[in-house]
Protein backbone atom coordinates (compact mmCIF):
# COMPACT_ATOMS: atom_id res chain seq x y z
CA MET A 1 66.40 80.99 89.39
CA ASN A 2 67.77 84.48 88.58
CA SER A 3 66.27 85.89 91.76
CA PHE A 4 68.31 83.44 93.84
CA TRP A 5 71.60 84.80 92.44
CA GLU A 6 70.45 88.40 92.78
CA ASN A 7 69.59 87.99 96.47
CA GLU A 8 71.86 90.25 98.56
CA ILE A 9 72.62 87.48 101.06
CA VAL A 10 73.69 85.13 98.26
CA LYS A 11 75.89 87.82 96.73
CA ILE A 12 77.58 88.45 100.09
CA ALA A 13 78.19 84.77 100.61
CA ALA A 14 79.55 84.31 97.11
CA ASN A 15 81.92 87.29 97.47
CA PHE A 16 83.06 86.10 100.88
CA SER A 17 83.64 82.51 99.68
CA VAL A 18 85.54 83.62 96.60
CA VAL A 19 87.72 86.06 98.51
CA ILE A 20 88.61 83.41 101.11
CA LEU A 21 89.55 80.99 98.37
CA CYS A 22 91.63 83.61 96.57
CA MET A 23 93.27 84.62 99.86
CA VAL A 24 94.37 81.00 100.45
CA VAL A 25 95.73 80.70 96.95
CA PHE A 26 97.50 84.06 96.99
CA LEU A 27 99.09 83.36 100.38
CA ALA A 28 100.32 80.02 98.95
CA VAL A 29 101.88 82.00 96.09
CA PHE A 30 103.57 84.35 98.58
CA GLU A 31 104.77 81.29 100.46
CA LEU A 32 106.43 80.00 97.22
CA VAL A 33 108.20 83.24 96.48
CA THR A 34 109.65 83.86 99.98
CA LYS A 35 112.59 81.97 101.30
CA TYR A 36 110.99 81.27 104.70
CA LYS A 37 107.86 79.28 105.60
CA ASN A 38 105.39 81.84 106.85
CA TRP A 39 103.30 79.68 109.18
CA GLU A 40 106.24 77.76 110.61
CA GLU A 41 107.98 81.07 111.44
CA ILE A 42 104.82 82.54 112.93
CA GLN A 43 104.38 79.41 115.03
CA LYS A 44 107.94 79.93 116.33
CA GLY A 45 107.05 83.51 117.33
CA ASN A 46 108.76 85.36 114.47
CA VAL A 47 107.05 88.77 114.77
CA ALA A 48 108.68 90.10 111.57
CA VAL A 49 107.12 87.29 109.54
CA ALA A 50 103.80 87.86 111.29
CA MET A 51 103.88 91.57 110.39
CA ALA A 52 104.87 90.91 106.79
CA THR A 53 102.24 88.19 106.39
CA GLY A 54 99.62 90.34 108.09
CA GLY A 55 100.36 93.15 105.66
CA LYS A 56 99.94 90.76 102.77
CA ILE A 57 96.59 89.51 104.14
CA PHE A 58 95.36 93.09 104.68
CA GLY A 59 96.64 94.09 101.21
CA ILE A 60 94.80 91.26 99.44
CA ALA A 61 91.62 91.88 101.41
CA ASN A 62 91.78 95.59 100.72
CA ILE A 63 92.28 95.03 96.98
CA PHE A 64 89.23 92.81 96.99
CA ARG A 65 87.26 95.39 98.96
CA TYR A 66 87.80 97.84 96.09
CA SER A 67 87.11 95.17 93.50
CA ILE A 68 83.79 94.17 95.13
CA SER A 69 82.67 97.78 95.53
CA HIS A 70 83.33 98.70 91.91
CA HIS A 71 82.28 95.60 89.96
CA ASP A 72 78.90 94.03 89.80
CA SER A 73 79.64 90.51 88.53
CA LEU A 74 81.50 87.90 90.49
CA LEU A 75 83.69 87.11 87.52
CA SER A 76 84.66 90.78 87.06
CA MET A 77 85.40 91.07 90.80
CA ILE A 78 87.65 87.98 90.66
CA GLY A 79 89.48 89.20 87.55
CA TRP A 80 90.27 92.61 89.00
CA GLY A 81 91.18 91.06 92.32
CA VAL A 82 93.65 88.72 90.64
CA TYR A 83 95.07 91.61 88.63
CA GLY A 84 95.42 93.62 91.85
CA PHE A 85 97.19 90.68 93.50
CA LEU A 86 99.64 90.43 90.60
CA LEU A 87 100.41 94.15 91.05
CA LEU A 88 100.93 93.63 94.78
CA LEU A 89 103.23 90.69 94.06
CA GLY A 90 105.10 92.89 91.57
CA GLY A 91 105.44 95.47 94.26
CA TYR A 92 106.99 92.89 96.58
CA PHE A 93 109.65 92.09 93.97
CA ILE A 94 110.36 95.78 93.38
CA TYR A 95 110.78 96.25 97.14
CA GLU A 96 113.26 93.37 97.16
CA PHE A 97 115.12 94.77 94.15
CA LEU A 98 115.34 98.29 95.62
CA THR A 99 117.14 97.07 98.71
CA PRO A 100 120.35 95.61 97.36
CA LYS A 101 122.34 96.14 100.57
CA PHE A 102 120.43 93.35 102.37
CA ASN A 103 118.05 90.54 101.50
CA ILE A 104 114.47 91.32 102.63
CA ASP A 105 113.47 87.66 102.98
CA GLN A 106 116.58 86.88 104.99
CA GLU A 107 116.04 89.85 107.34
CA ILE A 108 112.38 88.94 107.89
CA ALA A 109 113.34 85.26 108.47
CA ASN A 110 115.82 86.50 111.09
CA ASP A 111 113.00 88.38 112.88
CA ASN A 112 114.19 91.85 111.88
CA ARG A 113 111.02 93.64 113.00
CA ALA A 114 111.96 96.90 111.30
CA VAL A 115 112.10 95.17 107.93
CA GLY A 116 108.90 93.22 108.72
CA PHE A 117 107.12 96.46 109.65
CA ILE A 118 108.23 98.25 106.50
CA SER A 119 107.17 95.19 104.46
CA MET A 120 103.71 95.32 106.14
CA VAL A 121 103.35 99.04 105.50
CA ILE A 122 104.41 98.68 101.86
CA SER A 123 101.81 95.91 101.33
CA ILE A 124 99.06 97.95 102.99
CA GLY A 125 100.00 101.18 101.19
CA LEU A 126 100.25 99.57 97.79
CA SER A 127 96.87 97.89 98.30
CA PHE A 128 95.20 101.31 98.64
CA VAL A 129 96.89 102.61 95.50
CA ILE A 130 96.12 99.39 93.57
CA GLY A 131 92.52 99.30 94.88
CA ALA A 132 91.83 102.90 93.92
CA SER A 133 93.25 102.21 90.43
CA ILE A 134 91.18 99.07 89.58
CA ARG A 135 87.89 100.81 89.16
């Protein structure tokens, strides 16, 4: 039975499945903390929301890339991935806090593409820093 779980194909499928599940959960959390509905706005053609959401998706995936490459067990990979996500979420709140002159969520909801782009780049950039740190 051990050889089944040690098979490379099984490990890849397990990592993939877990990351997809975590991605759905984490995007739902981001949906709760933003003032706009990501998928409704994207459906309407809101490019700023699409960029911000794309940055979050990339950020989460990148954090898990590092987590998978540096941890052997599935449980360890999940734990570090969740921790990395929490750091990314914290980074989102810091970004919101550091821009008191305007509301990030409101600007993104209004399709301010400059704010959406910066939000995307912050998510991507932080994911590299977080990923490199969770070894």
